[in-house]
C-alpha atoms as a PDB file:
ATOM      1  CA  MET A   1      -7.316  23.365 -21.055  1.00  0.00           C
ATOM      2  CA  PRO A   2      -4.904  22.876 -18.139  1.00  0.00           C
ATOM      3  CA  SER A   3      -1.762  20.893 -18.866  1.00  0.00           C
ATOM      4  CA  GLN A   4      -1.116  17.431 -17.421  1.00  0.00           C
ATOM      5  CA  GLU A   5       1.438  18.950 -15.073  1.00  0.00           C
ATOM      6  CA  GLU A   6      -1.116  21.484 -13.839  1.00  0.00           C
ATOM      7  CA  LEU A   7      -3.729  18.752 -13.313  1.00  0.00           C
ATOM      8  CA  GLU A   8      -1.252  16.692 -11.292  1.00  0.00           C
ATOM      9  CA  ARG A   9      -0.329  19.746  -9.219  1.00  0.00           C
ATOM     10  CA  GLN A  10      -3.999  20.463  -8.507  1.00  0.00           C
ATOM     11  CA  GLN A  11      -4.592  16.849  -7.512  1.00  0.00           C
ATOM     12  CA  LYS A  12      -1.631  16.892  -5.107  1.00  0.00           C
ATOM     13  CA  GLN A  13      -2.916  20.110  -3.558  1.00  0.00           C
ATOM     14  CA  ALA A  14      -6.390  18.614  -3.155  1.00  0.00           C
ATOM     15  CA  VAL A  15      -4.952  15.523  -1.466  1.00  0.00           C
ATOM     16  CA  ALA A  16      -2.832  17.658   0.878  1.00  0.00           C
ATOM     17  CA  VAL A  17      -5.871  19.739   1.857  1.00  0.00           C
ATOM     18  CA  ALA A  18      -7.971  16.606   2.360  1.00  0.00           C
ATOM     19  CA  VAL A  19      -5.323  14.954   4.546  1.00  0.00           C
ATOM     20  CA  GLU A  20      -4.962  18.073   6.702  1.00  0.00           C
ATOM     21  CA  GLN A  21      -8.728  18.288   7.130  1.00  0.00           C
ATOM     22  CA  ALA A  22      -8.988  14.592   7.975  1.00  0.00           C
ATOM     23  CA  GLN A  23      -6.254  14.904  10.592  1.00  0.00           C
ATOM     24  CA  ARG A  24      -8.098  17.775  12.263  1.00  0.00           C
ATOM     25  CA  GLU A  25     -11.339  15.816  12.314  1.00  0.00           C
ATOM     26  CA  MET A  26      -9.652  12.678  13.651  1.00  0.00           C
ATOM     27  CA  ALA A  27      -8.642  14.639  16.740  1.00  0.00           C
ATOM     28  CA  ALA A  28     -12.331  14.692  17.704  1.00  0.00           C
ATOM     29  CA  ARG A  29     -14.082  11.387  17.095  1.00  0.00           C
ATOM     30  CA  VAL A  30     -16.122   8.751  18.869  1.00  0.00           C
ATOM     31  CA  ALA A  31     -16.834   5.113  18.004  1.00  0.00           C
ATOM     32  CA  VAL A  32     -20.486   4.625  17.032  1.00  0.00           C
ATOM     33  CA  THR A  33     -20.487   0.903  16.215  1.00  0.00           C
ATOM     34  CA  LEU A  34     -19.127  -2.209  17.850  1.00  0.00           C
ATOM     35  CA  PRO A  35     -16.441  -4.122  15.921  1.00  0.00           C
ATOM     36  CA  GLU A  36     -18.174  -6.298  13.347  1.00  0.00           C
ATOM     37  CA  SER A  37     -17.337  -8.654  10.515  1.00  0.00           C
ATOM     38  CA  VAL A  38     -18.795  -7.741   7.132  1.00  0.00           C
ATOM     39  CA  ASP A  39     -18.520 -10.899   5.033  1.00  0.00           C
ATOM     40  CA  TRP A  40     -20.192  -9.342   2.015  1.00  0.00           C
ATOM     41  CA  VAL A  41     -17.325  -6.844   1.735  1.00  0.00           C
ATOM     42  CA  ASN A  42     -14.826  -9.682   1.328  1.00  0.00           C
ATOM     43  CA  ARG A  43     -17.046 -11.375  -1.240  1.00  0.00           C
ATOM     44  CA  LEU A  44     -17.365  -8.129  -3.186  1.00  0.00           C
ATOM     45  CA  THR A  45     -13.624  -7.449  -2.930  1.00  0.00           C
ATOM     46  CA  SER A  46     -12.758 -10.906  -4.248  1.00  0.00           C
ATOM     47  CA  GLU A  47     -15.085 -10.427  -7.233  1.00  0.00           C
ATOM     48  CA  LEU A  48     -13.706  -6.968  -8.073  1.00  0.00           C
ATOM     49  CA  TRP A  49     -10.055  -7.624  -7.212  1.00  0.00           C
ATOM     50  CA  LEU A  50      -8.666  -8.646 -10.615  1.00  0.00           C
ATOM     51  CA  PRO A  51     -10.907  -6.708 -13.031  1.00  0.00           C
ATOM     52  CA  PHE A  52     -11.092  -3.435 -11.099  1.00  0.00           C
ATOM     53  CA  VAL A  53      -9.104  -3.063  -7.863  1.00  0.00           C
ATOM     54  CA  VAL A  54      -5.718  -4.308  -9.107  1.00  0.00           C
ATOM     55  CA  PRO A  55      -5.586  -2.069 -12.222  1.00  0.00           C
ATOM     56  CA  LEU A  56      -6.732   0.916 -10.150  1.00  0.00           C
ATOM     57  CA  MET A  57      -4.141   0.337  -7.414  1.00  0.00           C
ATOM     58  CA  LEU A  58      -1.313  -0.113  -9.895  1.00  0.00           C
ATOM     59  CA  ASN A  59      -2.309   2.964 -11.865  1.00  0.00           C
ATOM     60  CA  ASP A  60      -2.575   5.140  -8.749  1.00  0.00           C
ATOM     61  CA  ASN A  61       0.418   3.826  -6.804  1.00  0.00           C
ATOM     62  CA  ILE A  62       3.067   2.252  -9.038  1.00  0.00           C
ATOM     63  CA  ALA A  63       5.048   5.482  -9.457  1.00  0.00           C
ATOM     64  CA  ALA A  64       5.124   6.060  -5.689  1.00  0.00           C
ATOM     65  CA  TRP A  65       6.079   2.420  -5.030  1.00  0.00           C
ATOM     66  CA  GLN A  66       8.895   2.643  -7.568  1.00  0.00           C
ATOM     67  CA  GLU A  67      10.222   5.789  -5.910  1.00  0.00           C
ATOM     68  CA  LYS A  68      10.036   4.246  -2.420  1.00  0.00           C
ATOM     69  CA  VAL A  69      11.964   1.175  -3.557  1.00  0.00           C
ATOM     70  CA  ARG A  70      14.559   3.325  -5.329  1.00  0.00           C
ATOM     71  CA  ARG A  71      15.066   5.483  -2.246  1.00  0.00           C
ATOM     72  CA  GLY A  72      15.182   2.411  -0.002  1.00  0.00           C
ATOM     73  CA  ALA A  73      18.485   1.268  -1.492  1.00  0.00           C
ATOM     74  CA  PRO A  74      21.535   1.819   0.749  1.00  0.00           C
ATOM     75  CA  SER A  75      24.407   3.982  -0.419  1.00  0.00           C
ATOM     76  CA  GLY A  76      26.217   2.301  -3.294  1.00  0.00           C
ATOM     77  CA  TRP A  77      23.195   0.235  -4.354  1.00  0.00           C
ATOM     78  CA  GLU A  78      20.508   0.815  -6.969  1.00  0.00           C
ATOM     79  CA  LEU A  79      17.015  -0.698  -7.082  1.00  0.00           C
ATOM     80  CA  ALA A  80      14.242  -0.434  -9.676  1.00  0.00           C
ATOM     81  CA  ILE A  81      10.910  -2.247  -9.994  1.00  0.00           C
ATOM     82  CA  GLN A  82      10.713  -3.903 -13.421  1.00  0.00           C
ATOM     83  CA  GLU A  83       7.554  -5.981 -13.083  1.00  0.00           C
ATOM     84  CA  MET A  84       4.678  -5.933 -10.617  1.00  0.00           C
ATOM     85  CA  GLU A  85       1.599  -8.128 -10.339  1.00  0.00           C
ATOM     86  CA  LEU A  86      -0.517  -8.002  -7.181  1.00  0.00           C
ATOM     87  CA  GLY A  87      -1.703 -11.587  -7.582  1.00  0.00           C
ATOM     88  CA  GLN A  88      -5.083 -13.270  -7.543  1.00  0.00           C
ATOM     89  CA  GLN A  89      -5.739 -13.379  -3.787  1.00  0.00           C
ATOM     90  CA  SER A  90      -7.566 -10.335  -2.457  1.00  0.00           C
ATOM     91  CA  PRO A  91      -7.144  -9.086   1.126  1.00  0.00           C
ATOM     92  CA  ARG A  92      -9.545 -10.170   3.869  1.00  0.00           C
ATOM     93  CA  LEU A  93     -11.121  -7.433   5.974  1.00  0.00           C
ATOM     94  CA  SER A  94     -12.704  -7.835   9.420  1.00  0.00           C
ATOM     95  CA  ASN A  95     -13.486  -6.087  12.711  1.00  0.00           C
ATOM     96  CA  PHE A  96     -14.932  -2.971  11.104  1.00  0.00           C
ATOM     97  CA  GLN A  97     -15.659  -0.014  13.351  1.00  0.00           C
ATOM     98  CA  VAL A  98     -17.175   3.344  12.397  1.00  0.00           C
ATOM     99  CA  TYR A  99     -16.118   6.618  14.025  1.00  0.00           C
ATOM    100  CA  ASN A 100     -18.095   9.857  14.009  1.00  0.00           C
ATOM    101  CA  SER A 101     -17.004  13.421  14.611  1.00  0.00           C
ATOM    102  CA  VAL A 102     -18.111  14.731  18.003  1.00  0.00           C
ATOM    103  CA  THR A 103     -18.580  18.193  16.511  1.00  0.00           C
ATOM    104  CA  ASN A 104     -21.070  17.427  13.741  1.00  0.00           C
ATOM    105  CA  GLY A 105     -22.022  13.772  14.245  1.00  0.00           C
ATOM    106  CA  ARG A 106     -20.897  12.806  10.749  1.00  0.00           C
ATOM    107  CA  MET A 107     -18.832   9.714  10.014  1.00  0.00           C
ATOM    108  CA  ASN A 108     -15.183  10.677   9.644  1.00  0.00           C
ATOM    109  CA  ALA A 109     -13.361   7.343   9.771  1.00  0.00           C
ATOM    110  CA  LEU A 110     -13.719   3.617   9.249  1.00  0.00           C
ATOM    111  CA  GLU A 111     -11.195   1.226  10.766  1.00  0.00           C
ATOM    112  CA  CYS A 112     -10.737  -2.480  10.076  1.00  0.00           C
ATOM    113  CA  ASP A 113      -8.249  -5.327  10.322  1.00  0.00           C
ATOM    114  CA  MET A 114      -6.665  -6.397   7.046  1.00  0.00           C
ATOM    115  CA  ARG A 115      -4.886  -9.648   6.255  1.00  0.00           C
ATOM    116  CA  MET A 116      -3.562 -10.697   2.873  1.00  0.00           C
ATOM    117  CA  GLU A 117      -1.858 -13.991   2.062  1.00  0.00           C
ATOM    118  CA  SER A 118      -0.816 -14.131  -1.574  1.00  0.00           C
ATOM    119  CA  THR A 119       1.170 -16.873  -3.264  1.00  0.00           C
ATOM    120  CA  SER A 120       0.598 -15.363  -6.701  1.00  0.00           C
ATOM    121  CA  MET A 121       2.016 -11.878  -6.175  1.00  0.00           C
ATOM    122  CA  HIS A 122       4.958 -11.381  -8.530  1.00  0.00           C
ATOM    123  CA  VAL A 123       7.392  -8.483  -8.316  1.00  0.00           C
ATOM    124  CA  VAL A 124      10.756  -8.236 -10.053  1.00  0.00           C
ATOM    125  CA  VAL A 125      13.331  -5.740  -8.803  1.00  0.00           C
ATOM    126  CA  ALA A 126      16.520  -5.156 -10.794  1.00  0.00           C
ATOM    127  CA  GLY A 127      19.518  -3.865  -8.909  1.00  0.00           C
ATOM    128  CA  SER A 128      23.242  -3.390  -8.734  1.00  0.00           C
ATOM    129  CA  GLY A 129      25.770  -2.840  -5.987  1.00  0.00           C
ATOM    130  CA  PRO A 130      28.990  -4.101  -4.432  1.00  0.00           C
ATOM    131  CA  LEU A 131      28.047  -7.700  -5.334  1.00  0.00           C
ATOM    132  CA  GLY A 132      27.362  -6.812  -8.961  1.00  0.00           C
ATOM    133  CA  LYS A 133      24.094  -6.797 -10.840  1.00  0.00           C
ATOM    134  CA  PHE A 134      21.239  -8.918  -9.553  1.00  0.00           C
ATOM    135  CA  ARG A 135      17.561  -9.653  -9.992  1.00  0.00           C
ATOM    136  CA  ALA A 136      15.301  -9.999  -6.956  1.00  0.00           C
ATOM    137  CA  THR A 137      11.941 -11.742  -7.291  1.00  0.00           C
ATOM    138  CA  VAL A 138       9.082 -11.500  -4.812  1.00  0.00           C
ATOM    139  CA  SER A 139       6.857 -14.561  -5.238  1.00  0.00           C
ATOM    140  CA  GLY A 140       4.545 -14.245  -2.265  1.00  0.00           C
ATOM    141  CA  ILE A 141       3.589 -12.055   0.656  1.00  0.00           C
ATOM    142  CA  THR A 142       1.720 -12.194   3.946  1.00  0.00           C
ATOM    143  CA  VAL A 143       0.695  -8.881   5.470  1.00  0.00           C
ATOM    144  CA  SER A 144      -1.676  -7.976   8.286  1.00  0.00           C
ATOM    145  CA  GLY A 145      -2.476  -4.834  10.229  1.00  0.00           C
ATOM    146  CA  ARG A 146      -5.097  -2.352  11.347  1.00  0.00           C
ATOM    147  CA  MET A 147      -6.221   0.080   8.649  1.00  0.00           C
ATOM    148  CA  ARG A 148      -8.004   3.418   8.667  1.00  0.00           C
ATOM    149  CA  ILE A 149     -10.177   4.649   5.796  1.00  0.00           C
ATOM    150  CA  LEU A 150     -11.042   8.347   5.678  1.00  0.00           C
ATOM    151  CA  PRO A 151     -13.893   9.523   3.423  1.00  0.00           C
ATOM    152  CA  ILE A 152     -13.446  13.036   2.015  1.00  0.00           C
ATOM    153  CA  PRO A 153     -16.774  13.546   0.181  1.00  0.00           C
ATOM    154  CA  GLU A 154     -16.166  17.165  -0.817  1.00  0.00           C
ATOM    155  CA  HIS A 155     -13.095  16.036  -2.766  1.00  0.00           C
ATOM    156  CA  ARG A 156     -14.625  12.695  -3.822  1.00  0.00           C
ATOM    157  CA  MET A 157     -11.760  10.841  -2.150  1.00  0.00           C
ATOM    158  CA  LEU A 158     -11.082   7.882   0.095  1.00  0.00           C
ATOM    159  CA  LEU A 159      -7.756   8.002   1.923  1.00  0.00           C
ATOM    160  CA  TRP A 160      -6.434   4.800   3.456  1.00  0.00           C
ATOM    161  CA  SER A 161      -3.377   3.824   5.443  1.00  0.00           C
ATOM    162  CA  PHE A 162      -2.170   1.434   8.126  1.00  0.00           C
ATOM    163  CA  LEU A 163      -2.424   2.762  11.673  1.00  0.00           C
ATOM    164  CA  GLY A 164       1.054   1.411  12.342  1.00  0.00           C
ATOM    165  CA  PRO A 165       3.680  -0.726  10.640  1.00  0.00           C
ATOM    166  CA  PRO A 166       1.912  -3.930   9.523  1.00  0.00           C
ATOM    167  CA  ASP A 167       3.251  -7.414  10.148  1.00  0.00           C
ATOM    168  CA  MET A 168       4.761  -8.474   6.846  1.00  0.00           C
ATOM    169  CA  ALA A 169       6.606 -11.506   5.485  1.00  0.00           C
ATOM    170  CA  VAL A 170       7.968 -11.345   1.941  1.00  0.00           C
ATOM    171  CA  LYS A 171       9.135 -14.403  -0.001  1.00  0.00           C
ATOM    172  CA  LEU A 172      12.225 -13.164  -1.817  1.00  0.00           C
ATOM    173  CA  GLN A 173      14.773 -14.835  -4.074  1.00  0.00           C
ATOM    174  CA  VAL A 174      17.874 -13.064  -5.391  1.00  0.00           C
ATOM    175  CA  LYS A 175      19.820 -14.136  -8.474  1.00  0.00           C
ATOM    176  CA  GLY A 176      22.996 -12.707  -9.962  1.00  0.00           C
ATOM    177  CA  PRO A 177      26.150 -13.767 -11.827  1.00  0.00           C
ATOM    178  CA  LEU A 178      28.345 -13.341  -8.736  1.00  0.00           C
ATOM    179  CA  ILE A 179      26.013 -14.760  -6.093  1.00  0.00           C
ATOM    180  CA  GLY A 180      24.092 -17.424  -7.982  1.00  0.00           C
ATOM    181  CA  GLU A 181      20.499 -17.882  -6.814  1.00  0.00           C
ATOM    182  CA  ARG A 182      19.839 -17.618  -3.103  1.00  0.00           C
ATOM    183  CA  ASP A 183      18.302 -15.638  -0.279  1.00  0.00           C
ATOM    184  CA  VAL A 184      21.265 -13.925   1.345  1.00  0.00           C
ATOM    185  CA  PRO A 185      21.187 -11.674   4.452  1.00  0.00           C
ATOM    186  CA  GLN A 186      22.929  -8.832   2.618  1.00  0.00           C
ATOM    187  CA  PHE A 187      19.770  -8.314   0.565  1.00  0.00           C
ATOM    188  CA  SER A 188      17.347  -7.914   3.475  1.00  0.00           C
ATOM    189  CA  PHE A 189      17.155  -4.203   2.604  1.00  0.00           C
ATOM    190  CA  ILE A 190      15.135  -5.180  -0.492  1.00  0.00           C
ATOM    191  CA  ARG A 191      12.458  -6.672   1.756  1.00  0.00           C
ATOM    192  CA  ASN A 192      12.518  -3.533   3.879  1.00  0.00           C
ATOM    193  CA  ALA A 193      12.255  -1.231   0.859  1.00  0.00           C
ATOM    194  CA  PHE A 194       9.401  -3.264  -0.604  1.00  0.00           C
ATOM    195  CA  ALA A 195       7.530  -3.345   2.715  1.00  0.00           C
ATOM    196  CA  ALA A 196       7.987   0.405   3.210  1.00  0.00           C
ATOM    197  CA  ALA A 197       6.641   1.067  -0.283  1.00  0.00           C
ATOM    198  CA  LEU A 198       3.444  -0.883   0.374  1.00  0.00           C
ATOM    199  CA  GLN A 199       2.692   0.497   3.820  1.00  0.00           C
ATOM    200  CA  ALA A 200       3.572   4.154   3.322  1.00  0.00           C
ATOM    201  CA  ARG A 201       1.216   5.046   0.503  1.00  0.00           C
ATOM    202  CA  ASP A 202      -2.166   6.663   1.099  1.00  0.00           C
ATOM    203  CA  SER A 203      -4.441   6.345  -1.901  1.00  0.00           C
ATOM    204  CA  ALA A 204      -7.084   8.704  -3.163  1.00  0.00           C
END
């Protein structure tokens, strides 16, 4: 039986191969549907969000998000995610459009607009730096952008990402023994690190 390390290495290799293949195919594509709203997708997403989607997203992405936040800290600062809940509100998807490969006629991409307004998302980031130790709490988020979903059937994968940096507003409160409880400009890098973590991860 392969070790856990070997399984993880094989999975990373499979993802890398799938991404490279998808990028080649995206160079040759053509839209085959007009933009359309698929209301049933949003209904299905809302039903599956808490029992299925949230646990899956956290399991697949939490390690990468933690690393992005850690690396997003400026020199002399340290950041670490301590708690993370994605909240009860699921994203809303609209303006779906299917793209086919011009070489074989098969679907090779699905694009859609995504908007998520969550007042129940809860993320706690512990940190330290020139202003001492602190605790930053995210208590809400609004994010919107155009997304691309790439099916990789031979690897049984779906890769997704934003086409560009999404519009994002993060409700953030910082508390520490030296600064009290406030939202101070010096901590804007926490918002940036958190936003980068969410938008930079493709999921398989």
